[in-house]
Protein backbone atom coordinates (compact mmCIF):
# COMPACT_ATOMS: atom_id res chain seq x y z
CA UNK A 1 -9.69 19.55 -11.70
CA UNK A 2 -6.68 19.06 -9.42
CA UNK A 3 -6.19 20.11 -5.83
CA UNK A 4 -4.06 22.99 -7.07
CA UNK A 5 -7.28 24.81 -7.91
CA UNK A 6 -9.48 23.22 -5.25
CA UNK A 7 -11.03 25.65 -2.83
CA UNK A 8 -12.85 24.24 0.18
CA UNK A 9 -16.41 25.31 0.72
CA UNK A 10 -16.02 24.79 4.47
CA UNK A 11 -16.15 27.90 6.64
CA UNK A 12 -12.89 29.42 7.84
CA UNK A 13 -11.59 27.60 10.88
CA UNK A 14 -8.74 27.71 13.34
CA UNK A 15 -5.21 26.94 12.10
CA UNK A 16 -4.57 23.29 11.33
CA UNK A 17 -3.73 21.17 14.35
CA UNK A 18 -0.92 18.66 14.61
CA UNK A 19 -3.48 15.85 14.27
CA UNK A 20 -4.70 17.36 10.99
CA UNK A 21 -1.18 17.00 9.60
CA UNK A 22 -0.91 13.48 10.96
CA UNK A 23 -4.10 12.57 9.11
CA UNK A 24 -2.68 14.22 6.00
CA UNK A 25 0.08 11.61 6.08
CA UNK A 26 -2.38 8.68 5.85
CA UNK A 27 -1.19 6.95 9.05
CA UNK A 28 -3.01 3.66 8.36
CA UNK A 29 -1.30 3.31 4.99
CA UNK A 30 1.97 4.44 6.55
CA UNK A 31 1.82 1.69 9.18
CA UNK A 32 1.80 -1.04 6.52
CA UNK A 33 4.54 0.72 4.53
CA UNK A 34 6.77 1.02 7.58
CA UNK A 35 6.13 -2.56 8.65
CA UNK A 36 7.01 -4.09 5.28
CA UNK A 37 10.08 -1.86 4.95
CA UNK A 38 11.22 -2.96 8.41
CA UNK A 39 10.77 -6.62 7.47
CA UNK A 40 12.84 -6.06 4.34
CA UNK A 41 15.57 -4.44 6.42
CA UNK A 42 15.59 -7.24 9.00
CA UNK A 43 15.43 -10.01 6.39
CA UNK A 44 18.54 -8.67 4.63
CA UNK A 45 21.74 -10.62 5.44
CA UNK A 46 23.59 -7.51 6.66
CA UNK A 47 22.82 -6.12 10.11
CA UNK A 48 22.61 -2.33 10.43
CA UNK A 49 23.43 -0.49 13.62
CA UNK A 50 20.26 0.13 15.67
CA UNK A 51 20.56 3.90 15.21
CA UNK A 52 21.05 3.71 11.43
CA UNK A 53 18.20 1.22 11.13
CA UNK A 54 15.89 3.45 13.16
CA UNK A 55 16.77 6.43 10.96
CA UNK A 56 16.14 4.40 7.81
CA UNK A 57 12.73 3.27 9.05
CA UNK A 58 11.91 6.86 10.06
CA UNK A 59 12.90 8.01 6.57
CA UNK A 60 10.48 5.49 5.05
CA UNK A 61 7.72 6.70 7.39
CA UNK A 62 8.34 10.34 6.46
CA UNK A 63 8.46 9.44 2.77
CA UNK A 64 5.18 7.57 3.01
CA UNK A 65 3.61 10.49 4.83
CA UNK A 66 4.94 12.90 2.21
CA UNK A 67 3.41 10.83 -0.59
CA UNK A 68 0.11 10.72 1.30
CA UNK A 69 0.09 14.49 1.72
CA UNK A 70 0.80 15.06 -1.97
CA UNK A 71 -1.96 12.61 -2.84
CA UNK A 72 -4.45 14.48 -0.62
CA UNK A 73 -3.36 17.81 -2.10
CA UNK A 74 -4.00 16.71 -5.67
CA UNK A 75 -7.07 14.59 -5.00
CA UNK A 76 -8.99 17.06 -2.81
CA UNK A 77 -11.51 17.72 -5.59
CA UNK A 78 -12.53 14.07 -5.90
CA UNK A 79 -12.15 13.42 -2.17
CA UNK A 80 -14.81 16.08 -1.59
CA UNK A 81 -17.28 14.03 -3.67
CA UNK A 82 -16.93 10.74 -1.78
CA UNK A 83 -18.36 10.01 1.65
CA UNK A 84 -15.33 7.85 2.50
CA UNK A 85 -12.89 10.74 1.96
CA UNK A 86 -14.87 13.96 2.40
CA UNK A 87 -13.62 14.41 5.97
CA UNK A 88 -9.96 14.33 4.96
CA UNK A 89 -8.06 17.48 6.04
CA UNK A 90 -7.98 19.29 2.67
CA UNK A 91 -11.58 18.82 1.46
CA UNK A 92 -12.80 19.43 5.01
CA UNK A 93 -11.02 22.80 5.01
CA UNK A 94 -8.74 21.89 7.91
CA UNK A 95 -5.54 22.21 5.87
CA UNK A 96 -5.20 24.59 2.92
CA UNK A 97 -4.17 22.99 -0.41
CA UNK A 98 -0.98 25.07 -0.63
CA UNK A 99 -0.05 24.02 2.91
CA UNK A 100 -0.59 20.36 2.06
CA UNK A 101 1.57 20.73 -1.05
CA UNK A 102 4.37 22.49 0.85
CA UNK A 103 4.19 19.94 3.65
CA UNK A 104 4.44 17.04 1.19
CA UNK A 105 7.39 18.53 -0.71
CA UNK A 106 9.33 19.43 2.45
CA UNK A 107 8.72 16.01 3.97
CA UNK A 108 9.86 14.36 0.73
CA UNK A 109 13.16 16.23 0.81
CA UNK A 110 13.72 15.46 4.49
CA UNK A 111 12.94 11.76 4.10
CA UNK A 112 15.23 11.22 1.11
CA UNK A 113 18.06 13.22 2.70
CA UNK A 114 17.76 11.27 5.95
CA UNK A 115 17.84 7.96 4.09
CA UNK A 116 20.93 9.02 2.14
CA UNK A 117 22.73 10.01 5.35
CA UNK A 118 21.64 7.01 7.45
CA UNK A 119 21.73 4.21 4.90
CA UNK A 120 22.73 3.94 1.24
CA UNK A 121 22.37 6.07 -1.90
CA UNK A 122 20.41 3.25 -3.53
CA UNK A 123 17.85 3.21 -0.70
CA UNK A 124 17.51 6.99 -0.94
CA UNK A 125 17.03 6.82 -4.71
CA UNK A 126 14.39 4.11 -4.36
CA UNK A 127 12.57 6.11 -1.70
CA UNK A 128 12.57 9.20 -3.92
CA UNK A 129 11.28 7.17 -6.87
CA UNK A 130 8.51 5.56 -4.80
CA UNK A 131 7.29 8.98 -3.65
CA UNK A 132 7.35 10.24 -7.23
CA UNK A 133 5.58 7.13 -8.49
CA UNK A 134 2.74 7.41 -5.98
CA UNK A 135 2.30 11.18 -6.16
CA UNK A 136 2.79 11.70 -9.89
CA UNK A 137 2.45 8.45 -11.84
CA UNK A 138 -0.43 7.01 -9.81
CA UNK A 139 -2.21 10.03 -8.32
CA UNK A 140 -1.87 12.55 -11.15
CA UNK A 141 -1.99 10.19 -14.12
CA UNK A 142 -3.18 6.61 -13.65
CA UNK A 143 -5.91 7.11 -11.06
CA UNK A 144 -7.96 9.38 -13.33
CA UNK A 145 -7.18 7.81 -16.68
CA UNK A 146 -7.38 4.00 -16.56
CA UNK A 147 -9.17 1.14 -14.82
CA UNK A 148 -5.73 -0.44 -14.40
CA UNK A 149 -4.76 2.40 -12.06
CA UNK A 150 -4.46 0.24 -8.97
CA UNK A 151 -2.65 -2.56 -10.85
CA UNK A 152 0.18 -0.39 -12.13
CA UNK A 153 0.01 2.09 -9.28
CA UNK A 154 0.31 -0.73 -6.78
CA UNK A 155 4.05 -0.71 -7.46
CA UNK A 156 4.36 2.36 -5.24
CA UNK A 157 3.22 0.41 -2.19
CA UNK A 158 5.39 -2.57 -3.11
CA UNK A 159 8.73 -0.74 -2.92
CA UNK A 160 9.12 -0.48 0.90
CA UNK A 161 10.66 -3.96 1.52
CA UNK A 162 13.08 -3.38 -1.36
CA UNK A 163 13.97 -0.01 0.15
CA UNK A 164 14.51 -1.64 3.54
CA UNK A 165 16.74 -4.32 2.05
CA UNK A 166 18.72 -1.75 0.05
CA UNK A 167 19.14 0.35 3.18
CA UNK A 168 20.89 -2.56 4.89
CA UNK A 169 22.93 -3.96 2.01
CA UNK A 170 23.04 -1.43 -0.81
CA UNK A 171 21.69 -3.94 -3.34
CA UNK A 172 18.41 -5.49 -4.53
CA UNK A 173 18.60 -9.29 -4.83
CA UNK A 174 15.86 -11.66 -5.93
CA UNK A 175 14.52 -12.10 -2.40
CA UNK A 176 13.88 -8.37 -2.10
CA UNK A 177 11.96 -8.38 -5.37
CA UNK A 178 9.94 -11.40 -4.25
CA UNK A 179 8.61 -9.27 -1.40
CA UNK A 180 7.92 -6.51 -3.91
CA UNK A 181 6.04 -8.96 -6.15
CA UNK A 182 4.00 -10.25 -3.25
CA UNK A 183 2.65 -6.80 -2.40
CA UNK A 184 2.28 -5.85 -6.06
CA UNK A 185 0.12 -8.89 -6.87
CA UNK A 186 -1.81 -8.64 -3.60
CA UNK A 187 -2.87 -5.02 -4.14
CA UNK A 188 -5.49 -5.49 -6.92
CA UNK A 189 -7.70 -8.09 -5.18
CA UNK A 190 -7.35 -6.19 -1.91
CA UNK A 191 -8.35 -2.83 -3.37
CA UNK A 192 -10.98 -4.15 -5.79
CA UNK A 193 -12.77 -5.80 -2.89
CA UNK A 194 -13.04 -2.33 -1.35
CA UNK A 195 -14.14 -0.80 -4.64
CA UNK A 196 -17.09 -3.19 -4.94
CA UNK A 197 -18.92 -1.36 -2.16
CA UNK A 198 -17.61 2.12 -2.97
CA UNK A 199 -18.17 2.00 -6.74
CA UNK A 200 -21.02 4.54 -6.65
CA UNK A 201 -18.74 7.05 -4.95
CA UNK A 202 -15.99 6.49 -7.51
CA UNK A 203 -18.51 6.90 -10.32
CA UNK A 204 -19.76 10.17 -8.81
CA UNK A 205 -16.18 11.43 -8.52
CA UNK A 206 -15.33 10.37 -12.08
CA UNK A 207 -12.63 7.91 -11.06
CA UNK A 208 -12.44 4.96 -13.51
CA UNK A 209 -12.17 2.14 -11.01
CA UNK A 210 -12.78 -1.35 -12.41
CA UNK A 211 -16.38 -1.74 -11.11
CA UNK A 212 -17.23 1.61 -12.71
CA UNK A 213 -15.73 0.88 -16.12
CA UNK A 214 -16.20 -2.90 -16.43
CA UNK A 215 -18.92 -3.73 -13.91
CA UNK A 216 -19.11 -5.79 -10.75
CA UNK A 217 -19.08 -9.17 -12.52
CA UNK A 218 -15.72 -8.50 -14.17
CA UNK A 219 -14.35 -7.08 -10.93
CA UNK A 220 -15.27 -10.25 -9.05
CA UNK A 221 -13.60 -12.31 -11.78
CA UNK A 222 -10.42 -10.24 -11.64
CA UNK A 223 -10.33 -10.55 -7.84
CA UNK A 224 -10.38 -14.33 -8.16
CA UNK A 225 -7.74 -14.37 -10.92
CA UNK A 226 -5.29 -12.22 -9.00
CA UNK A 227 -5.90 -14.21 -5.81
CA UNK A 228 -5.10 -17.44 -7.67
CA UNK A 229 -1.88 -15.80 -8.89
CA UNK A 230 -0.65 -14.23 -5.66
CA UNK A 231 -1.22 -17.24 -3.37
CA UNK A 232 1.16 -19.62 -5.19
CA UNK A 233 3.57 -16.72 -5.75
CA UNK A 234 3.67 -16.30 -1.96
CA UNK A 235 5.31 -19.73 -1.72
CA UNK A 236 8.35 -18.69 -3.79
CA UNK A 237 10.21 -17.26 -0.76
CA UNK A 238 10.21 -20.81 0.63
CA UNK A 239 11.96 -22.03 -2.52
CA UNK A 240 14.68 -19.37 -2.26
CA UNK A 241 15.19 -19.80 1.47
CA UNK A 242 13.89 -16.35 2.34
CA UNK A 243 10.95 -17.94 4.11
CA UNK A 244 11.28 -20.93 6.41
CA UNK A 245 8.92 -23.50 7.91
CA UNK A 246 6.82 -20.96 9.82
CA UNK A 247 6.42 -18.81 6.74
CA UNK A 248 5.45 -21.87 4.68
CA UNK A 249 2.66 -22.80 7.10
CA UNK A 250 1.35 -19.23 7.17
CA UNK A 251 1.51 -18.97 3.36
CA UNK A 252 -0.42 -22.21 2.87
CA UNK A 253 -3.10 -21.58 5.50
CA UNK A 254 -3.39 -17.88 4.73
CA UNK A 255 -3.49 -18.56 1.01
CA UNK A 256 -6.30 -21.09 1.50
CA UNK A 257 -8.32 -18.51 3.47
CA UNK A 258 -7.65 -15.87 0.82
CA UNK A 259 -8.77 -18.15 -2.01
CA UNK A 260 -11.86 -19.25 -0.07
CA UNK A 261 -12.97 -15.64 0.39
CA UNK A 262 -12.20 -14.80 -3.25
CA UNK A 263 -14.40 -17.72 -4.32
CA UNK A 264 -17.19 -16.49 -2.03
CA UNK A 265 -16.99 -13.10 -3.71
CA UNK A 266 -16.83 -14.61 -7.19
CA UNK A 267 -19.95 -16.73 -6.67
CA UNK A 268 -21.81 -13.83 -5.08
CA UNK A 269 -23.39 -10.75 -6.60
CA UNK A 270 -21.33 -8.32 -4.54
CA UNK A 271 -21.36 -4.93 -6.21
CA UNK A 272 -24.60 -5.47 -8.09
CA UNK A 273 -27.14 -2.76 -7.37
CA UNK A 274 -29.89 -5.25 -6.48
CA UNK A 275 -27.76 -7.41 -4.17
CA UNK A 276 -26.64 -5.18 -1.27
CA UNK A 277 -26.50 -8.09 1.18
CA UNK A 278 -23.69 -9.71 -0.82
CA UNK A 279 -21.42 -6.75 -0.12
CA UNK A 280 -20.63 -8.43 3.18
CA UNK A 281 -18.56 -10.97 1.27
CA UNK A 282 -16.53 -8.21 -0.38
CA UNK A 283 -15.96 -6.56 2.99
CA UNK A 284 -14.84 -9.91 4.45
CA UNK A 285 -12.47 -10.36 1.50
CA UNK A 286 -11.01 -6.92 2.15
CA UNK A 287 -10.42 -7.71 5.83
CA UNK A 288 -8.93 -11.13 5.14
CA UNK A 289 -6.57 -9.65 2.56
CA UNK A 290 -5.09 -7.30 5.15
CA UNK A 291 -4.59 -10.11 7.65
CA UNK A 292 -3.08 -12.30 4.94
CA UNK A 293 -0.38 -9.85 3.89
CA UNK A 294 0.39 -8.86 7.47
CA UNK A 295 0.72 -12.53 8.49
CA UNK A 296 3.15 -13.30 5.66
CA UNK A 297 5.48 -10.45 6.55
CA UNK A 298 5.07 -11.10 10.28
CA UNK A 299 6.17 -14.70 9.70
CA UNK A 300 9.31 -13.50 7.91
CA UNK A 301 10.00 -11.12 10.79
CA UNK A 302 9.43 -13.71 13.52
CA UNK A 303 11.74 -16.20 11.80
CA UNK A 304 14.54 -13.63 11.80
CA UNK A 305 14.06 -11.96 15.16
CA UNK A 306 13.47 -14.91 17.51
CA UNK A 307 15.20 -16.57 15.47
CA UNK A 308 13.06 -19.43 14.19
CA UNK A 309 14.17 -19.67 10.60
CA UNK A 310 14.15 -23.34 9.71
CA UNK A 311 14.79 -23.41 5.98
CA UNK A 312 13.04 -26.02 3.89
CA UNK A 313 15.67 -25.62 1.16
CA UNK A 314 18.89 -27.57 1.51
CA UNK A 315 21.98 -25.41 1.92
CA UNK A 316 20.01 -22.19 2.37
């Protein structure tokens, strides 16, 4: 059942507040989307005017919020079955499903139009595609049909730095796609760590997350595999000159911490019904993963803004 037919069982309440609509936009997710898009914009070799850059970043924020609203509209039925999401505006009866849908569609149109006016047609097209990918491909199709939902669907969250770069230059070089690849490969171990302690809720809601379909042991193994893939991949920006000495240090130290926590999860019984104490390792992995990705993009930003970009590649 989709949100289109979802009817909240909550009693009638006052009209939705501004904060209800803010929550509908998934502000925590939006903050990471905006940050990585901004880094992509700043890392690009063409400087935008401050006003155009601010408009482009705002367009990304609005687009992210629009995708979040459409996700909450469609997923209200399963959100109502999980303790982690039951208080979201739609299942809680704070925002009507039709209002959430209208809000998401209007915000989508505004965000793409703003990007087209402030930046480049390519950036606008990429923003429109990322909204579509998250709201339709991931939310309406992958999330409910395959255990690989977060692997393929992770592409939606990986587009922002490419959008930021395209907003500044109008193209998508290798360096922009390296940032895409970093987020894309980081998403599965990050999200599967979360799913290890929320697997019962996903099972109750009928969502085929990896721990539900393949068990905790396989999930822990996949977390380790993806971590061992993304950490060396994170060093590629050093080879292309996108990342300098500061980035290299952060990538090595952060990667070591990421691998260490993935190994702790792998050799634990996190997610097994009879080992609740081991869930602490999965929660630590989840927290470290957030810090890891943030630190990598922060290093790229610091090297450009201060500037402290000391390339380790000759001629770069």
